[in-house]
Amino acid sequence: MAFKFEQLKVWQRSVELSGEVYELTKKFPREEVYVLSAQLQRASDSIALNIAEGSTGQSNREFKRFLGIAIRSAVEVVCCFYLAKRRKLVSEKEFTYFYEALSDLIKGMQALRKSIKT
């Protein structure tokens, strides 16, 4: 592994989660392709992208800032899942799975951010 972010568990999990979100949104109805489906995909991708960008060649302060952006993207994904549940695009089981996975990921990113010295 050549890059620092590749060793971070939060980055690894965010990549897995983004793939799971992508697979789930492929089942959404056609009218959601450019609406909630695209928003879920972009926001979930943003988590991993911000972790990677912040970890590479940045100061600790910048890394913490990028982790903050990644956390906000994860919260955005949670909100999207509330909308998807309300629109009956995801089951209660799917909602619960992603809610818990995102909650754990957010806690991990918050812990990582707190551990970084500035």
N, C-alpha and C. Protein backbone atom coordinates (compact mmCIF):
# COMPACT_ATOMS: atom_id res chain seq x y z
N MET A 1 0.84 -1.18 0.00
CA MET A 1 0.00 0.00 0.00
C MET A 1 0.88 1.25 0.00
N ALA A 2 0.76 2.02 -1.02
CA ALA A 2 1.64 3.16 -1.22
C ALA A 2 1.14 4.45 -0.57
N PHE A 3 -0.14 4.53 -0.29
CA PHE A 3 -0.71 5.76 0.24
C PHE A 3 -1.19 5.58 1.67
N LYS A 4 -1.03 6.61 2.47
CA LYS A 4 -1.40 6.59 3.88
C LYS A 4 -2.87 6.20 4.08
N PHE A 5 -3.75 6.75 3.25
CA PHE A 5 -5.18 6.52 3.44
C PHE A 5 -5.57 5.06 3.26
N GLU A 6 -4.80 4.31 2.47
CA GLU A 6 -5.14 2.91 2.21
C GLU A 6 -5.06 2.06 3.48
N GLN A 7 -4.32 2.53 4.46
CA GLN A 7 -4.18 1.79 5.72
C GLN A 7 -5.24 2.17 6.74
N LEU A 8 -5.99 3.22 6.47
CA LEU A 8 -6.99 3.69 7.43
C LEU A 8 -8.26 2.85 7.35
N LYS A 9 -8.67 2.31 8.49
CA LYS A 9 -9.88 1.49 8.52
C LYS A 9 -11.13 2.28 8.11
N VAL A 10 -11.17 3.56 8.47
CA VAL A 10 -12.33 4.36 8.10
C VAL A 10 -12.40 4.55 6.58
N TRP A 11 -11.26 4.66 5.93
CA TRP A 11 -11.27 4.79 4.48
C TRP A 11 -11.70 3.46 3.85
N GLN A 12 -11.14 2.34 4.34
CA GLN A 12 -11.50 1.03 3.81
C GLN A 12 -13.00 0.79 3.94
N ARG A 13 -13.54 1.11 5.10
CA ARG A 13 -14.98 0.90 5.33
C ARG A 13 -15.82 1.84 4.47
N SER A 14 -15.34 3.07 4.28
CA SER A 14 -16.11 4.01 3.47
C SER A 14 -16.17 3.56 2.01
N VAL A 15 -15.10 2.94 1.51
CA VAL A 15 -15.10 2.42 0.14
C VAL A 15 -16.09 1.25 0.03
N GLU A 16 -16.08 0.37 1.02
CA GLU A 16 -17.05 -0.74 1.04
C GLU A 16 -18.48 -0.22 1.05
N LEU A 17 -18.71 0.73 1.93
CA LEU A 17 -20.06 1.29 2.09
C LEU A 17 -20.53 1.98 0.81
N SER A 18 -19.62 2.70 0.16
CA SER A 18 -19.96 3.36 -1.09
C SER A 18 -20.39 2.34 -2.15
N GLY A 19 -19.69 1.22 -2.20
CA GLY A 19 -20.06 0.16 -3.14
C GLY A 19 -21.43 -0.43 -2.82
N GLU A 20 -21.71 -0.59 -1.53
CA GLU A 20 -23.01 -1.11 -1.12
C GLU A 20 -24.13 -0.12 -1.45
N VAL A 21 -23.87 1.15 -1.26
CA VAL A 21 -24.86 2.19 -1.62
C VAL A 21 -25.11 2.16 -3.11
N TYR A 22 -24.05 2.07 -3.89
CA TYR A 22 -24.18 2.02 -5.35
C TYR A 22 -25.05 0.84 -5.79
N GLU A 23 -24.77 -0.33 -5.25
CA GLU A 23 -25.56 -1.51 -5.61
C GLU A 23 -27.03 -1.34 -5.22
N LEU A 24 -27.28 -0.76 -4.05
CA LEU A 24 -28.65 -0.54 -3.61
C LEU A 24 -29.37 0.44 -4.52
N THR A 25 -28.72 1.54 -4.88
CA THR A 25 -29.38 2.57 -5.69
C THR A 25 -29.67 2.10 -7.12
N LYS A 26 -28.99 1.07 -7.58
CA LYS A 26 -29.29 0.53 -8.91
C LYS A 26 -30.70 -0.04 -8.96
N LYS A 27 -31.26 -0.34 -7.77
CA LYS A 27 -32.63 -0.88 -7.72
C LYS A 27 -33.68 0.22 -7.62
N PHE A 28 -33.27 1.46 -7.47
CA PHE A 28 -34.23 2.56 -7.35
C PHE A 28 -34.95 2.75 -8.68
N PRO A 29 -36.17 3.28 -8.64
CA PRO A 29 -36.90 3.52 -9.89
C PRO A 29 -36.19 4.54 -10.79
N ARG A 30 -36.48 4.47 -12.05
CA ARG A 30 -35.83 5.32 -13.05
C ARG A 30 -35.96 6.81 -12.73
N GLU A 31 -37.08 7.23 -12.21
CA GLU A 31 -37.28 8.65 -11.93
C GLU A 31 -36.37 9.18 -10.81
N GLU A 32 -35.73 8.28 -10.09
CA GLU A 32 -34.80 8.69 -9.03
C GLU A 32 -33.34 8.73 -9.48
N VAL A 33 -33.07 8.36 -10.73
CA VAL A 33 -31.69 8.27 -11.22
C VAL A 33 -30.95 9.59 -11.02
N TYR A 34 -31.58 10.71 -11.35
CA TYR A 34 -30.89 12.00 -11.26
C TYR A 34 -31.30 12.77 -10.00
N VAL A 35 -31.95 12.09 -9.10
CA VAL A 35 -32.41 12.74 -7.88
C VAL A 35 -31.71 12.07 -6.70
N LEU A 36 -32.45 11.30 -5.93
CA LEU A 36 -31.91 10.73 -4.70
C LEU A 36 -30.82 9.68 -4.96
N SER A 37 -30.97 8.92 -6.01
CA SER A 37 -29.97 7.91 -6.33
C SER A 37 -28.60 8.55 -6.57
N ALA A 38 -28.57 9.57 -7.40
CA ALA A 38 -27.30 10.25 -7.71
C ALA A 38 -26.75 10.95 -6.46
N GLN A 39 -27.63 11.54 -5.67
CA GLN A 39 -27.18 12.23 -4.47
C GLN A 39 -26.56 11.26 -3.46
N LEU A 40 -27.20 10.11 -3.28
CA LEU A 40 -26.66 9.08 -2.39
C LEU A 40 -25.29 8.61 -2.86
N GLN A 41 -25.16 8.38 -4.15
CA GLN A 41 -23.89 7.91 -4.69
C GLN A 41 -22.79 8.97 -4.51
N ARG A 42 -23.10 10.23 -4.84
CA ARG A 42 -22.10 11.29 -4.71
C ARG A 42 -21.68 11.50 -3.26
N ALA A 43 -22.65 11.54 -2.37
CA ALA A 43 -22.34 11.78 -0.96
C ALA A 43 -21.56 10.62 -0.36
N SER A 44 -21.91 9.39 -0.71
CA SER A 44 -21.18 8.25 -0.15
C SER A 44 -19.77 8.17 -0.73
N ASP A 45 -19.61 8.52 -2.01
CA ASP A 45 -18.27 8.58 -2.60
C ASP A 45 -17.44 9.67 -1.93
N SER A 46 -18.07 10.76 -1.59
CA SER A 46 -17.39 11.91 -1.00
C SER A 46 -16.71 11.56 0.33
N ILE A 47 -17.26 10.63 1.05
CA ILE A 47 -16.66 10.22 2.33
C ILE A 47 -15.25 9.71 2.08
N ALA A 48 -15.12 8.70 1.23
CA ALA A 48 -13.81 8.10 0.94
C ALA A 48 -12.88 9.10 0.26
N LEU A 49 -13.42 9.89 -0.65
CA LEU A 49 -12.59 10.85 -1.38
C LEU A 49 -11.99 11.89 -0.45
N ASN A 50 -12.76 12.38 0.50
CA ASN A 50 -12.24 13.40 1.42
C ASN A 50 -11.23 12.82 2.42
N ILE A 51 -11.44 11.59 2.85
CA ILE A 51 -10.46 10.95 3.72
C ILE A 51 -9.14 10.82 2.97
N ALA A 52 -9.20 10.34 1.73
CA ALA A 52 -7.99 10.15 0.93
C ALA A 52 -7.29 11.49 0.67
N GLU A 53 -8.05 12.47 0.21
CA GLU A 53 -7.45 13.76 -0.12
C GLU A 53 -6.81 14.42 1.10
N GLY A 54 -7.48 14.36 2.23
CA GLY A 54 -6.96 15.00 3.42
C GLY A 54 -5.74 14.32 4.01
N SER A 55 -5.60 13.04 3.78
CA SER A 55 -4.51 12.29 4.41
C SER A 55 -3.19 12.40 3.65
N THR A 56 -3.25 12.83 2.42
CA THR A 56 -2.08 12.77 1.56
C THR A 56 -1.48 14.15 1.32
N GLY A 57 -0.29 14.35 1.85
CA GLY A 57 0.45 15.58 1.59
C GLY A 57 -0.12 16.82 2.25
N GLN A 58 -0.92 16.64 3.25
CA GLN A 58 -1.54 17.77 3.93
C GLN A 58 -0.99 17.88 5.35
N SER A 59 -1.21 19.04 5.95
CA SER A 59 -0.87 19.20 7.36
C SER A 59 -1.92 18.46 8.20
N ASN A 60 -1.61 18.24 9.45
CA ASN A 60 -2.59 17.62 10.34
C ASN A 60 -3.86 18.45 10.44
N ARG A 61 -3.70 19.77 10.46
CA ARG A 61 -4.88 20.65 10.51
C ARG A 61 -5.77 20.44 9.29
N GLU A 62 -5.14 20.35 8.10
CA GLU A 62 -5.90 20.12 6.88
C GLU A 62 -6.56 18.74 6.89
N PHE A 63 -5.85 17.73 7.38
CA PHE A 63 -6.43 16.39 7.46
C PHE A 63 -7.67 16.41 8.34
N LYS A 64 -7.59 17.09 9.47
CA LYS A 64 -8.75 17.20 10.35
C LYS A 64 -9.92 17.91 9.64
N ARG A 65 -9.60 18.93 8.86
CA ARG A 65 -10.64 19.65 8.13
C ARG A 65 -11.32 18.72 7.11
N PHE A 66 -10.51 17.95 6.38
CA PHE A 66 -11.08 17.02 5.41
C PHE A 66 -11.89 15.91 6.09
N LEU A 67 -11.45 15.47 7.25
CA LEU A 67 -12.25 14.48 8.00
C LEU A 67 -13.59 15.08 8.40
N GLY A 68 -13.59 16.35 8.75
CA GLY A 68 -14.85 17.03 9.05
C GLY A 68 -15.79 17.04 7.86
N ILE A 69 -15.23 17.28 6.68
CA ILE A 69 -16.05 17.25 5.46
C ILE A 69 -16.58 15.83 5.21
N ALA A 70 -15.73 14.82 5.43
CA ALA A 70 -16.16 13.43 5.25
C ALA A 70 -17.28 13.08 6.23
N ILE A 71 -17.18 13.56 7.46
CA ILE A 71 -18.24 13.32 8.46
C ILE A 71 -19.54 13.96 8.00
N ARG A 72 -19.47 15.19 7.50
CA ARG A 72 -20.68 15.86 7.02
C ARG A 72 -21.28 15.12 5.82
N SER A 73 -20.43 14.57 4.97
CA SER A 73 -20.94 13.78 3.84
C SER A 73 -21.66 12.53 4.35
N ALA A 74 -21.11 11.90 5.39
CA ALA A 74 -21.75 10.71 5.96
C ALA A 74 -23.11 11.06 6.55
N VAL A 75 -23.20 12.21 7.20
CA VAL A 75 -24.49 12.65 7.76
C VAL A 75 -25.47 12.93 6.63
N GLU A 76 -24.98 13.47 5.52
CA GLU A 76 -25.83 13.68 4.35
C GLU A 76 -26.39 12.35 3.84
N VAL A 77 -25.56 11.33 3.84
CA VAL A 77 -26.03 10.01 3.40
C VAL A 77 -27.11 9.49 4.34
N VAL A 78 -26.94 9.70 5.63
CA VAL A 78 -27.98 9.30 6.60
C VAL A 78 -29.29 9.99 6.25
N CYS A 79 -29.24 11.28 6.01
CA CYS A 79 -30.44 12.03 5.66
C CYS A 79 -31.07 11.49 4.38
N CYS A 80 -30.25 11.19 3.39
CA CYS A 80 -30.76 10.61 2.14
C CYS A 80 -31.48 9.30 2.39
N PHE A 81 -30.96 8.51 3.34
CA PHE A 81 -31.64 7.25 3.65
C PHE A 81 -32.99 7.49 4.33
N TYR A 82 -33.10 8.54 5.11
CA TYR A 82 -34.41 8.89 5.67
C TYR A 82 -35.39 9.23 4.55
N LEU A 83 -34.93 10.00 3.57
CA LEU A 83 -35.78 10.34 2.43
C LEU A 83 -36.15 9.10 1.63
N ALA A 84 -35.17 8.23 1.42
CA ALA A 84 -35.42 6.99 0.67
C ALA A 84 -36.43 6.11 1.40
N LYS A 85 -36.33 6.05 2.71
CA LYS A 85 -37.28 5.25 3.49
C LYS A 85 -38.69 5.84 3.37
N ARG A 86 -38.76 7.15 3.48
CA ARG A 86 -40.06 7.83 3.39
C ARG A 86 -40.70 7.62 2.01
N ARG A 87 -39.87 7.56 0.98
CA ARG A 87 -40.37 7.34 -0.38
C ARG A 87 -40.54 5.86 -0.71
N LYS A 88 -40.30 5.03 0.29
CA LYS A 88 -40.44 3.58 0.16
C LYS A 88 -39.49 2.99 -0.89
N LEU A 89 -38.29 3.56 -0.96
CA LEU A 89 -37.27 3.07 -1.87
C LEU A 89 -36.36 2.06 -1.19
N VAL A 90 -36.34 2.07 0.14
CA VAL A 90 -35.57 1.11 0.92
C VAL A 90 -36.47 0.51 1.99
N SER A 91 -36.18 -0.71 2.34
CA SER A 91 -36.93 -1.37 3.40
C SER A 91 -36.44 -0.90 4.76
N GLU A 92 -37.18 -1.22 5.77
CA GLU A 92 -36.76 -0.89 7.14
C GLU A 92 -35.44 -1.59 7.47
N LYS A 93 -35.29 -2.82 7.00
CA LYS A 93 -34.05 -3.58 7.24
C LYS A 93 -32.86 -2.90 6.57
N GLU A 94 -33.03 -2.47 5.32
CA GLU A 94 -31.95 -1.78 4.61
C GLU A 94 -31.62 -0.46 5.30
N PHE A 95 -32.65 0.28 5.68
CA PHE A 95 -32.44 1.55 6.37
C PHE A 95 -31.63 1.33 7.64
N THR A 96 -32.03 0.36 8.44
CA THR A 96 -31.35 0.08 9.71
C THR A 96 -29.89 -0.32 9.48
N TYR A 97 -29.66 -1.16 8.49
CA TYR A 97 -28.29 -1.59 8.19
C TYR A 97 -27.40 -0.38 7.88
N PHE A 98 -27.86 0.46 6.95
CA PHE A 98 -27.04 1.60 6.55
C PHE A 98 -26.94 2.65 7.66
N TYR A 99 -28.01 2.84 8.41
CA TYR A 99 -27.98 3.78 9.53
C TYR A 99 -26.91 3.37 10.54
N GLU A 100 -26.89 2.10 10.90
CA GLU A 100 -25.90 1.61 11.87
C GLU A 100 -24.49 1.65 11.29
N ALA A 101 -24.34 1.27 10.02
CA ALA A 101 -23.02 1.30 9.39
C ALA A 101 -22.47 2.72 9.32
N LEU A 102 -23.31 3.67 8.97
CA LEU A 102 -22.89 5.06 8.90
C LEU A 102 -22.59 5.63 10.28
N SER A 103 -23.39 5.25 11.25
CA SER A 103 -23.16 5.69 12.63
C SER A 103 -21.79 5.21 13.11
N ASP A 104 -21.48 3.95 12.85
CA ASP A 104 -20.17 3.40 13.23
C ASP A 104 -19.04 4.11 12.48
N LEU A 105 -19.23 4.35 11.20
CA LEU A 105 -18.21 5.02 10.40
C LEU A 105 -17.97 6.45 10.91
N ILE A 106 -19.04 7.15 11.22
CA ILE A 106 -18.91 8.52 11.74
C ILE A 106 -18.16 8.51 13.07
N LYS A 107 -18.49 7.57 13.93
CA LYS A 107 -17.77 7.47 15.21
C LYS A 107 -16.28 7.21 14.98
N GLY A 108 -15.96 6.36 14.02
CA GLY A 108 -14.57 6.07 13.70
C GLY A 108 -13.84 7.29 13.17
N MET A 109 -14.50 8.05 12.30
CA MET A 109 -13.88 9.26 11.76
C MET A 109 -13.70 10.32 12.84
N GLN A 110 -14.68 10.43 13.73
CA GLN A 110 -14.56 11.39 14.83
C GLN A 110 -13.40 11.01 15.75
N ALA A 111 -13.25 9.73 16.04
CA ALA A 111 -12.15 9.27 16.88
C ALA A 111 -10.81 9.54 16.21
N LEU A 112 -10.72 9.28 14.91
CA LEU A 112 -9.49 9.54 14.18
C LEU A 112 -9.18 11.04 14.21
N ARG A 113 -10.17 11.85 13.99
CA ARG A 113 -9.96 13.30 14.00
C ARG A 113 -9.47 13.80 15.37
N LYS A 114 -10.05 13.25 16.44
CA LYS A 114 -9.62 13.64 17.78
C LYS A 114 -8.19 13.19 18.08
N SER A 115 -7.75 12.11 17.47
CA SER A 115 -6.41 11.56 17.74
C SER A 115 -5.29 12.33 17.03
N ILE A 116 -5.65 13.14 16.05
CA ILE A 116 -4.65 13.86 15.27
C ILE A 116 -4.22 15.11 16.01
N LYS A 117 -2.94 15.23 16.22
CA LYS A 117 -2.37 16.38 16.91
C LYS A 117 -2.22 17.54 15.92
N THR A 118 -2.57 18.74 16.38
CA THR A 118 -2.40 19.93 15.51
C THR A 118 -1.44 20.92 16.14
